[in-house]
PDB file of N, CA and C in Angstrom:
ATOM      1  N   MET A   1     -62.870 -63.562 319.515  1.00  0.00           N
ATOM      2  CA  MET A   1     -62.802 -64.668 318.573  1.00  0.00           C
ATOM      3  C   MET A   1     -61.389 -65.254 318.549  1.00  0.00           C
ATOM      4  N   PHE A   2     -60.399 -64.385 318.414  1.00  0.00           N
ATOM      5  CA  PHE A   2     -59.010 -64.847 318.369  1.00  0.00           C
ATOM      6  C   PHE A   2     -58.621 -65.533 319.675  1.00  0.00           C
ATOM      7  N   LYS A   3     -59.083 -64.977 320.788  1.00  0.00           N
ATOM      8  CA  LYS A   3     -58.775 -65.555 322.099  1.00  0.00           C
ATOM      9  C   LYS A   3     -59.332 -66.978 322.202  1.00  0.00           C
ATOM     10  N   ARG A   4     -60.524 -67.206 321.704  1.00  0.00           N
ATOM     11  CA  ARG A   4     -61.124 -68.540 321.732  1.00  0.00           C
ATOM     12  C   ARG A   4     -60.318 -69.517 320.880  1.00  0.00           C
ATOM     13  N   MET A   5     -59.827 -69.055 319.744  1.00  0.00           N
ATOM     14  CA  MET A   5     -59.033 -69.915 318.864  1.00  0.00           C
ATOM     15  C   MET A   5     -57.721 -70.308 319.544  1.00  0.00           C
ATOM     16  N   VAL A   6     -57.119 -69.371 320.250  1.00  0.00           N
ATOM     17  CA  VAL A   6     -55.875 -69.660 320.961  1.00  0.00           C
ATOM     18  C   VAL A   6     -56.116 -70.687 322.061  1.00  0.00           C
ATOM     19  N   VAL A   7     -57.171 -70.511 322.814  1.00  0.00           N
ATOM     20  CA  VAL A   7     -57.507 -71.458 323.890  1.00  0.00           C
ATOM     21  C   VAL A   7     -57.779 -72.837 323.308  1.00  0.00           C
ATOM     22  N   LEU A   8     -58.519 -72.915 322.228  1.00  0.00           N
ATOM     23  CA  LEU A   8     -58.799 -74.185 321.584  1.00  0.00           C
ATOM     24  C   LEU A   8     -57.512 -74.824 321.065  1.00  0.00           C
ATOM     25  N   GLY A   9     -56.651 -74.026 320.476  1.00  0.00           N
ATOM     26  CA  GLY A   9     -55.363 -74.533 319.984  1.00  0.00           C
ATOM     27  C   GLY A   9     -54.504 -75.080 321.110  1.00  0.00           C
ATOM     28  N   LEU A  10     -54.461 -74.387 322.237  1.00  0.00           N
ATOM     29  CA  LEU A  10     -53.688 -74.865 323.389  1.00  0.00           C
ATOM     30  C   LEU A  10     -54.272 -76.168 323.932  1.00  0.00           C
ATOM     31  N   ALA A  11     -55.563 -76.290 323.942  1.00  0.00           N
ATOM     32  CA  ALA A  11     -56.198 -77.523 324.413  1.00  0.00           C
ATOM     33  C   ALA A  11     -55.833 -78.690 323.508  1.00  0.00           C
ATOM     34  N   LEU A  12     -55.813 -78.469 322.216  1.00  0.00           N
ATOM     35  CA  LEU A  12     -55.439 -79.531 321.282  1.00  0.00           C
ATOM     36  C   LEU A  12     -53.985 -79.938 321.453  1.00  0.00           C
ATOM     37  N   VAL A  13     -53.108 -78.966 321.600  1.00  0.00           N
ATOM     38  CA  VAL A  13     -51.683 -79.260 321.795  1.00  0.00           C
ATOM     39  C   VAL A  13     -51.477 -80.038 323.083  1.00  0.00           C
ATOM     40  N   THR A  14     -52.160 -79.664 324.132  1.00  0.00           N
ATOM     41  CA  THR A  14     -52.046 -80.354 325.413  1.00  0.00           C
ATOM     42  C   THR A  14     -52.514 -81.806 325.286  1.00  0.00           C
ATOM     43  N   SER A  15     -53.602 -82.033 324.585  1.00  0.00           N
ATOM     44  CA  SER A  15     -54.093 -83.403 324.442  1.00  0.00           C
ATOM     45  C   SER A  15     -53.150 -84.236 323.587  1.00  0.00           C
ATOM     46  N   TRP A  16     -52.512 -83.651 322.577  1.00  0.00           N
ATOM     47  CA  TRP A  16     -51.543 -84.383 321.776  1.00  0.00           C
ATOM     48  C   TRP A  16     -50.302 -84.703 322.583  1.00  0.00           C
ATOM     49  N   ALA A  17     -49.891 -83.781 323.428  1.00  0.00           N
ATOM     50  CA  ALA A  17     -48.678 -83.968 324.222  1.00  0.00           C
ATOM     51  C   ALA A  17     -48.862 -85.066 325.260  1.00  0.00           C
ATOM     52  N   MET A  18     -50.099 -85.282 325.689  1.00  0.00           N
ATOM     53  CA  MET A  18     -50.361 -86.279 326.716  1.00  0.00           C
ATOM     54  C   MET A  18     -50.987 -87.522 326.082  1.00  0.00           C
ATOM     55  N   ALA A  19     -50.269 -88.093 325.130  1.00  0.00           N
ATOM     56  CA  ALA A  19     -50.767 -89.298 324.471  1.00  0.00           C
ATOM     57  C   ALA A  19     -50.716 -90.468 325.439  1.00  0.00           C
ATOM     58  N   ALA A  20     -51.626 -91.382 325.267  1.00  0.00           N
ATOM     59  CA  ALA A  20     -51.689 -92.550 326.144  1.00  0.00           C
ATOM     60  C   ALA A  20     -50.469 -93.442 325.942  1.00  0.00           C
ATOM     61  N   VAL A  21     -49.988 -93.986 327.045  1.00  0.00           N
ATOM     62  CA  VAL A  21     -48.867 -94.921 327.039  1.00  0.00           C
ATOM     63  C   VAL A  21     -49.402 -96.239 327.595  1.00  0.00           C
ATOM     64  N   ASP A  22     -49.387 -97.290 326.760  1.00  0.00           N
ATOM     65  CA  ASP A  22     -49.869 -98.583 327.210  1.00  0.00           C
ATOM     66  C   ASP A  22     -48.759 -99.322 327.937  1.00  0.00           C
ATOM     67  N   VAL A  23     -49.031 -99.766 329.137  1.00  0.00           N
ATOM     68  CA  VAL A  23     -48.036-100.404 329.992  1.00  0.00           C
ATOM     69  C   VAL A  23     -47.460-101.672 329.360  1.00  0.00           C
ATOM     70  N   ASN A  24     -48.214-102.329 328.498  1.00  0.00           N
ATOM     71  CA  ASN A  24     -47.737-103.562 327.876  1.00  0.00           C
ATOM     72  C   ASN A  24     -46.846-103.326 326.657  1.00  0.00           C
ATOM     73  N   LYS A  25     -46.809-102.110 326.159  1.00  0.00           N
ATOM     74  CA  LYS A  25     -46.007-101.798 324.974  1.00  0.00           C
ATOM     75  C   LYS A  25     -44.920-100.772 325.252  1.00  0.00           C
ATOM     76  N   ALA A  26     -44.947-100.163 326.420  1.00  0.00           N
ATOM     77  CA  ALA A  26     -44.087 -99.028 326.732  1.00  0.00           C
ATOM     78  C   ALA A  26     -42.630 -99.417 326.952  1.00  0.00           C
ATOM     79  N   SER A  27     -41.748 -98.545 326.494  1.00  0.00           N
ATOM     80  CA  SER A  27     -40.323 -98.675 326.791  1.00  0.00           C
ATOM     81  C   SER A  27     -40.058 -98.006 328.139  1.00  0.00           C
ATOM     82  N   VAL A  28     -38.836 -98.124 328.608  1.00  0.00           N
ATOM     83  CA  VAL A  28     -38.459 -97.454 329.860  1.00  0.00           C
ATOM     84  C   VAL A  28     -38.702 -95.955 329.728  1.00  0.00           C
ATOM     85  N   ALA A  29     -38.289 -95.385 328.602  1.00  0.00           N
ATOM     86  CA  ALA A  29     -38.472 -93.945 328.387  1.00  0.00           C
ATOM     87  C   ALA A  29     -39.950 -93.567 328.380  1.00  0.00           C
ATOM     88  N   ASP A  30     -40.777 -94.404 327.745  1.00  0.00           N
ATOM     89  CA  ASP A  30     -42.223 -94.139 327.725  1.00  0.00           C
ATOM     90  C   ASP A  30     -42.785 -94.134 329.143  1.00  0.00           C
ATOM     91  N   LEU A  31     -42.418 -95.144 329.926  1.00  0.00           N
ATOM     92  CA  LEU A  31     -42.910 -95.226 331.301  1.00  0.00           C
ATOM     93  C   LEU A  31     -42.421 -94.044 332.131  1.00  0.00           C
ATOM     94  N   ASP A  32     -41.153 -93.693 331.983  1.00  0.00           N
ATOM     95  CA  ASP A  32     -40.603 -92.571 332.742  1.00  0.00           C
ATOM     96  C   ASP A  32     -41.232 -91.238 332.353  1.00  0.00           C
ATOM     97  N   SER A  33     -41.855 -91.182 331.172  1.00  0.00           N
ATOM     98  CA  SER A  33     -42.496 -89.936 330.745  1.00  0.00           C
ATOM     99  C   SER A  33     -43.820 -89.700 331.465  1.00  0.00           C
ATOM    100  N   ILE A  34     -44.338 -90.724 332.121  1.00  0.00           N
ATOM    101  CA  ILE A  34     -45.591 -90.590 332.868  1.00  0.00           C
ATOM    102  C   ILE A  34     -45.288 -90.008 334.245  1.00  0.00           C
ATOM    103  N   LYS A  35     -45.937 -88.903 334.553  1.00  0.00           N
ATOM    104  CA  LYS A  35     -45.745 -88.281 335.863  1.00  0.00           C
ATOM    105  C   LYS A  35     -46.183 -89.273 336.935  1.00  0.00           C
ATOM    106  N   GLY A  36     -45.295 -89.529 337.895  1.00  0.00           N
ATOM    107  CA  GLY A  36     -45.590 -90.475 338.968  1.00  0.00           C
ATOM    108  C   GLY A  36     -44.841 -91.787 338.814  1.00  0.00           C
ATOM    109  N   ILE A  37     -44.213 -91.989 337.644  1.00  0.00           N
ATOM    110  CA  ILE A  37     -43.394 -93.183 337.438  1.00  0.00           C
ATOM    111  C   ILE A  37     -41.948 -92.750 337.327  1.00  0.00           C
ATOM    112  N   GLY A  38     -41.134 -93.301 338.205  1.00  0.00           N
ATOM    113  CA  GLY A  38     -39.703 -93.038 338.172  1.00  0.00           C
ATOM    114  C   GLY A  38     -38.960 -94.297 337.768  1.00  0.00           C
ATOM    115  N   PRO A  39     -37.645 -94.256 337.827  1.00  0.00           N
ATOM    116  CA  PRO A  39     -36.837 -95.413 337.421  1.00  0.00           C
ATOM    117  C   PRO A  39     -37.152 -96.689 338.200  1.00  0.00           C
ATOM    118  N   GLY A  40     -37.415 -96.575 339.482  1.00  0.00           N
ATOM    119  CA  GLY A  40     -37.715 -97.755 340.300  1.00  0.00           C
ATOM    120  C   GLY A  40     -39.006 -98.436 339.881  1.00  0.00           C
ATOM    121  N   THR A  41     -40.040 -97.648 339.676  1.00  0.00           N
ATOM    122  CA  THR A  41     -41.322 -98.212 339.261  1.00  0.00           C
ATOM    123  C   THR A  41     -41.237 -98.767 337.843  1.00  0.00           C
ATOM    124  N   SER A  42     -40.518 -98.066 336.966  1.00  0.00           N
ATOM    125  CA  SER A  42     -40.330 -98.562 335.595  1.00  0.00           C
ATOM    126  C   SER A  42     -39.681 -99.938 335.617  1.00  0.00           C
ATOM    127  N   ALA A  43     -38.663-100.092 336.439  1.00  0.00           N
ATOM    128  CA  ALA A  43     -37.960-101.372 336.536  1.00  0.00           C
ATOM    129  C   ALA A  43     -38.898-102.475 337.035  1.00  0.00           C
ATOM    130  N   LYS A  44     -39.725-102.159 338.031  1.00  0.00           N
ATOM    131  CA  LYS A  44     -40.677-103.145 338.557  1.00  0.00           C
ATOM    132  C   LYS A  44     -41.697-103.552 337.496  1.00  0.00           C
ATOM    133  N   VAL A  45     -42.177-102.572 336.738  1.00  0.00           N
ATOM    134  CA  VAL A  45     -43.158-102.845 335.693  1.00  0.00           C
ATOM    135  C   VAL A  45     -42.551-103.749 334.632  1.00  0.00           C
ATOM    136  N   LEU A  46     -41.348-103.416 334.166  1.00  0.00           N
ATOM    137  CA  LEU A  46     -40.715-104.206 333.116  1.00  0.00           C
ATOM    138  C   LEU A  46     -40.395-105.621 333.586  1.00  0.00           C
ATOM    139  N   LYS A  47     -39.969-105.753 334.844  1.00  0.00           N
ATOM    140  CA  LYS A  47     -39.667-107.080 335.378  1.00  0.00           C
ATOM    141  C   LYS A  47     -40.929-107.936 335.447  1.00  0.00           C
ATOM    142  N   ALA A  48     -42.021-107.356 335.925  1.00  0.00           N
ATOM    143  CA  ALA A  48     -43.287-108.091 336.002  1.00  0.00           C
ATOM    144  C   ALA A  48     -43.811-108.419 334.603  1.00  0.00           C
ATOM    145  N   ARG A  49     -43.606-107.513 333.673  1.00  0.00           N
ATOM    146  CA  ARG A  49     -44.097-107.716 332.309  1.00  0.00           C
ATOM    147  C   ARG A  49     -43.328-108.828 331.587  1.00  0.00           C
ATOM    148  N   GLU A  50     -42.076-109.088 332.009  1.00  0.00           N
ATOM    149  CA  GLU A  50     -41.298-110.183 331.420  1.00  0.00           C
ATOM    150  C   GLU A  50     -42.001-111.524 331.638  1.00  0.00           C
ATOM    151  N   GLN A  51     -42.687-111.672 332.754  1.00  0.00           N
ATOM    152  CA  GLN A  51     -43.395-112.916 333.075  1.00  0.00           C
ATOM    153  C   GLN A  51     -44.616-113.091 332.174  1.00  0.00           C
ATOM    154  N   ALA A  52     -45.355-112.024 331.985  1.00  0.00           N
ATOM    155  CA  ALA A  52     -46.553-112.036 331.141  1.00  0.00           C
ATOM    156  C   ALA A  52     -47.076-110.608 331.027  1.00  0.00           C
ATOM    157  N   ALA A  53     -47.768-110.339 329.935  1.00  0.00           N
ATOM    158  CA  ALA A  53     -48.397-109.030 329.771  1.00  0.00           C
ATOM    159  C   ALA A  53     -49.461-108.854 330.854  1.00  0.00           C
ATOM    160  N   PHE A  54     -49.709-107.607 331.204  1.00  0.00           N
ATOM    161  CA  PHE A  54     -50.742-107.314 332.197  1.00  0.00           C
ATOM    162  C   PHE A  54     -52.112-107.472 331.546  1.00  0.00           C
ATOM    163  N   LYS A  55     -52.999-108.205 332.204  1.00  0.00           N
ATOM    164  CA  LYS A  55     -54.340-108.446 331.666  1.00  0.00           C
ATOM    165  C   LYS A  55     -55.230-107.217 331.817  1.00  0.00           C
ATOM    166  N   ASP A  56     -55.098-106.559 332.977  1.00  0.00           N
ATOM    167  CA  ASP A  56     -55.941-105.409 333.281  1.00  0.00           C
ATOM    168  C   ASP A  56     -55.313-104.647 334.437  1.00  0.00           C
ATOM    169  N   TRP A  57     -55.997-103.603 334.875  1.00  0.00           N
ATOM    170  CA  TRP A  57     -55.464-102.784 335.967  1.00  0.00           C
ATOM    171  C   TRP A  57     -55.324-103.593 337.257  1.00  0.00           C
ATOM    172  N   ALA A  58     -56.248-104.478 337.519  1.00  0.00           N
ATOM    173  CA  ALA A  58     -56.168-105.297 338.738  1.00  0.00           C
ATOM    174  C   ALA A  58     -54.901-106.145 338.717  1.00  0.00           C
ATOM    175  N   ASP A  59     -54.566-106.682 337.565  1.00  0.00           N
ATOM    176  CA  ASP A  59     -53.357-107.489 337.413  1.00  0.00           C
ATOM    177  C   ASP A  59     -52.113-106.632 337.649  1.00  0.00           C
ATOM    178  N   LEU A  60     -52.096-105.430 337.103  1.00  0.00           N
ATOM    179  CA  LEU A  60     -50.966-104.509 337.310  1.00  0.00           C
ATOM    180  C   LEU A  60     -50.805-104.187 338.791  1.00  0.00           C
ATOM    181  N   ILE A  61     -51.899-103.866 339.449  1.00  0.00           N
ATOM    182  CA  ILE A  61     -51.865-103.514 340.872  1.00  0.00           C
ATOM    183  C   ILE A  61     -51.370-104.693 341.710  1.00  0.00           C
ATOM    184  N   GLN A  62     -51.806-105.874 341.369  1.00  0.00           N
ATOM    185  CA  GLN A  62     -51.415-107.056 342.130  1.00  0.00           C
ATOM    186  C   GLN A  62     -49.935-107.390 341.946  1.00  0.00           C
ATOM    187  N   ARG A  63     -49.417-107.237 340.736  1.00  0.00           N
ATOM    188  CA  ARG A  63     -48.068-107.710 340.418  1.00  0.00           C
ATOM    189  C   ARG A  63     -46.957-106.680 340.588  1.00  0.00           C
ATOM    190  N   VAL A  64     -47.290-105.396 340.667  1.00  0.00           N
ATOM    191  CA  VAL A  64     -46.254-104.362 340.775  1.00  0.00           C
ATOM    192  C   VAL A  64     -46.354-103.682 342.130  1.00  0.00           C
ATOM    193  N   GLY A  65     -45.344-103.917 342.973  1.00  0.00           N
ATOM    194  CA  GLY A  65     -45.300-103.290 344.283  1.00  0.00           C
ATOM    195  C   GLY A  65     -45.234-101.781 344.169  1.00  0.00           C
ATOM    196  N   GLY A  66     -45.950-101.106 345.028  1.00  0.00           N
ATOM    197  CA  GLY A  66     -45.942 -99.648 345.033  1.00  0.00           C
ATOM    198  C   GLY A  66     -47.065 -99.035 344.215  1.00  0.00           C
ATOM    199  N   ILE A  67     -47.799 -99.862 343.484  1.00  0.00           N
ATOM    200  CA  ILE A  67     -48.953 -99.360 342.740  1.00  0.00           C
ATOM    201  C   ILE A  67     -50.205 -99.962 343.361  1.00  0.00           C
ATOM    202  N   GLY A  68     -50.965 -99.097 343.983  1.00  0.00           N
ATOM    203  CA  GLY A  68     -52.253 -99.477 344.553  1.00  0.00           C
ATOM    204  C   GLY A  68     -53.346 -98.735 343.805  1.00  0.00           C
ATOM    205  N   PRO A  69     -54.571 -98.840 344.253  1.00  0.00           N
ATOM    206  CA  PRO A  69     -55.683 -98.179 343.564  1.00  0.00           C
ATOM    207  C   PRO A  69     -55.510 -96.670 343.404  1.00  0.00           C
ATOM    208  N   LYS A  70     -55.050 -96.010 344.452  1.00  0.00           N
ATOM    209  CA  LYS A  70     -54.885 -94.560 344.396  1.00  0.00           C
ATOM    210  C   LYS A  70     -53.808 -94.180 343.377  1.00  0.00           C
ATOM    211  N   LYS A  71     -52.677 -94.872 343.420  1.00  0.00           N
ATOM    212  CA  LYS A  71     -51.576 -94.615 342.487  1.00  0.00           C
ATOM    213  C   LYS A  71     -52.006 -94.955 341.061  1.00  0.00           C
ATOM    214  N   ALA A  72     -52.757 -96.049 340.890  1.00  0.00           N
ATOM    215  CA  ALA A  72     -53.235 -96.439 339.565  1.00  0.00           C
ATOM    216  C   ALA A  72     -54.109 -95.344 338.966  1.00  0.00           C
ATOM    217  N   ALA A  73     -54.987 -94.781 339.773  1.00  0.00           N
ATOM    218  CA  ALA A  73     -55.855 -93.701 339.292  1.00  0.00           C
ATOM    219  C   ALA A  73     -55.018 -92.492 338.872  1.00  0.00           C
ATOM    220  N   GLN A  74     -53.993 -92.167 339.665  1.00  0.00           N
ATOM    221  CA  GLN A  74     -53.109 -91.045 339.341  1.00  0.00           C
ATOM    222  C   GLN A  74     -52.362 -91.302 338.027  1.00  0.00           C
ATOM    223  N   LEU A  75     -51.808 -92.493 337.882  1.00  0.00           N
ATOM    224  CA  LEU A  75     -51.061 -92.825 336.671  1.00  0.00           C
ATOM    225  C   LEU A  75     -51.973 -92.808 335.450  1.00  0.00           C
ATOM    226  N   SER A  76     -53.182 -93.310 335.604  1.00  0.00           N
ATOM    227  CA  SER A  76     -54.149 -93.292 334.517  1.00  0.00           C
ATOM    228  C   SER A  76     -54.484 -91.861 334.111  1.00  0.00           C
ATOM    229  N   ASP A  77     -54.684 -91.000 335.094  1.00  0.00           N
ATOM    230  CA  ASP A  77     -54.959 -89.584 334.816  1.00  0.00           C
ATOM    231  C   ASP A  77     -53.794 -88.926 334.074  1.00  0.00           C
ATOM    232  N   ASN A  78     -52.591 -89.448 334.287  1.00  0.00           N
ATOM    233  CA  ASN A  78     -51.402 -88.890 333.651  1.00  0.00           C
ATOM    234  C   ASN A  78     -51.061 -89.569 332.321  1.00  0.00           C
ATOM    235  N   GLY A  79     -51.920 -90.485 331.863  1.00  0.00           N
ATOM    236  CA  GLY A  79     -51.760 -91.039 330.525  1.00  0.00           C
ATOM    237  C   GLY A  79     -51.441 -92.511 330.417  1.00  0.00           C
ATOM    238  N   LEU A  80     -51.317 -93.235 331.528  1.00  0.00           N
ATOM    239  CA  LEU A  80     -51.015 -94.662 331.469  1.00  0.00           C
ATOM    240  C   LEU A  80     -52.293 -95.460 331.223  1.00  0.00           C
ATOM    241  N   THR A  81     -52.202 -96.465 330.363  1.00  0.00           N
ATOM    242  CA  THR A  81     -53.323 -97.369 330.122  1.00  0.00           C
ATOM    243  C   THR A  81     -52.840 -98.811 330.240  1.00  0.00           C
ATOM    244  N   VAL A  82     -53.777 -99.720 330.425  1.00  0.00           N
ATOM    245  CA  VAL A  82     -53.496-101.154 330.393  1.00  0.00           C
ATOM    246  C   VAL A  82     -54.404-101.719 329.308  1.00  0.00           C
ATOM    247  N   ASN A  83     -53.793-102.217 328.247  1.00  0.00           N
ATOM    248  CA  ASN A  83     -54.546-102.715 327.086  1.00  0.00           C
ATOM    249  C   ASN A  83     -55.520-101.665 326.563  1.00  0.00           C
ATOM    250  N   GLY A  84     -55.078-100.419 326.570  1.00  0.00           N
ATOM    251  CA  GLY A  84     -55.894 -99.321 326.049  1.00  0.00           C
ATOM    252  C   GLY A  84     -56.957 -98.806 326.992  1.00  0.00           C
ATOM    253  N   GLN A  85     -57.077 -99.383 328.190  1.00  0.00           N
ATOM    254  CA  GLN A  85     -58.106 -98.980 329.147  1.00  0.00           C
ATOM    255  C   GLN A  85     -57.547 -98.038 330.202  1.00  0.00           C
ATOM    256  N   THR A  86     -58.297 -97.000 330.495  1.00  0.00           N
ATOM    257  CA  THR A  86     -57.939 -96.146 331.626  1.00  0.00           C
ATOM    258  C   THR A  86     -58.380 -96.848 332.901  1.00  0.00           C
ATOM    259  N   TYR A  87     -57.855 -96.417 334.010  1.00  0.00           N
ATOM    260  CA  TYR A  87     -58.196 -97.056 335.285  1.00  0.00           C
ATOM    261  C   TYR A  87     -59.684 -96.913 335.586  1.00  0.00           C
ATOM    262  N   GLY A  88     -60.221 -95.718 335.430  1.00  0.00           N
ATOM    263  CA  GLY A  88     -61.630 -95.484 335.731  1.00  0.00           C
ATOM    264  C   GLY A  88     -62.560 -96.313 334.868  1.00  0.00           C
ATOM    265  N   ALA A  89     -62.234 -96.465 333.596  1.00  0.00           N
ATOM    266  CA  ALA A  89     -63.069 -97.261 332.701  1.00  0.00           C
ATOM    267  C   ALA A  89     -62.999 -98.737 333.066  1.00  0.00           C
ATOM    268  N   ALA A  90     -61.848 -99.159 333.570  1.00  0.00           N
ATOM    269  CA  ALA A  90     -61.651-100.569 333.891  1.00  0.00           C
ATOM    270  C   ALA A  90     -62.364-100.986 335.172  1.00  0.00           C
ATOM    271  N   VAL A  91     -62.403-100.103 336.145  1.00  0.00           N
ATOM    272  CA  VAL A  91     -62.954-100.503 337.442  1.00  0.00           C
ATOM    273  C   VAL A  91     -64.375-100.030 337.675  1.00  0.00           C
ATOM    274  N   GLY A  92     -64.871 -99.131 336.866  1.00  0.00           N
ATOM    275  CA  GLY A  92     -66.229 -98.622 337.082  1.00  0.00           C
ATOM    276  C   GLY A  92     -66.307 -97.903 338.405  1.00  0.00           C
ATOM    277  N   LYS A  93     -67.258 -98.260 339.205  1.00  0.00           N
ATOM    278  CA  LYS A  93     -67.440 -97.587 340.492  1.00  0.00           C
ATOM    279  C   LYS A  93     -66.702 -98.278 341.619  1.00  0.00           C
ATOM    280  N   GLU A  94     -66.340 -99.538 341.440  1.00  0.00           N
ATOM    281  CA  GLU A  94     -65.672-100.295 342.499  1.00  0.00           C
ATOM    282  C   GLU A  94     -64.156-100.195 342.338  1.00  0.00           C
ATOM    283  N   PRO A  95     -63.436 -99.654 343.302  1.00  0.00           N
ATOM    284  CA  PRO A  95     -61.983 -99.605 343.197  1.00  0.00           C
ATOM    285  C   PRO A  95     -61.374-101.001 343.340  1.00  0.00           C
ATOM    286  N   VAL A  96     -60.255-101.192 342.659  1.00  0.00           N
ATOM    287  CA  VAL A  96     -59.538-102.451 342.772  1.00  0.00           C
ATOM    288  C   VAL A  96     -58.824-102.466 344.109  1.00  0.00           C
ATOM    289  N   LYS A  97     -58.918-103.569 344.838  1.00  0.00           N
ATOM    290  CA  LYS A  97     -58.260-103.676 346.137  1.00  0.00           C
ATOM    291  C   LYS A  97     -57.041-104.556 346.012  1.00  0.00           C
ATOM    292  N   LYS A  98     -55.962-104.135 346.632  1.00  0.00           N
ATOM    293  CA  LYS A  98     -54.738-104.917 346.641  1.00  0.00           C
ATOM    294  C   LYS A  98     -54.874-106.019 347.690  1.00  0.00           C
ATOM    295  N   PRO A  99     -54.545-107.284 347.343  1.00  0.00           N
ATOM    296  CA  PRO A  99     -54.698-108.373 348.308  1.00  0.00           C
ATOM    297  C   PRO A  99     -53.752-108.243 349.489  1.00  0.00           C
TER     298      PRO A  99
END
């Protein structure tokens, strides 16, 4: 019984620690906290966001160099969202293709 409570408690702590970070609201520190985003990608995201907020994952992929469908899925799994949407929820079964 106690072991189950500990496992459940650890699962809750892990989910709280990995709160979603929305790309349109995130600071540099928020973006850098996402595994897979470093200073270079953060800078690209912020520069692109200065022009306009990202509409969706396809818009992010198109406007930010170095982020393709595979990277987008990884970042989404690590807590990044676009307008509150995860990558998988946004694209359904069809992956977004970079032009």
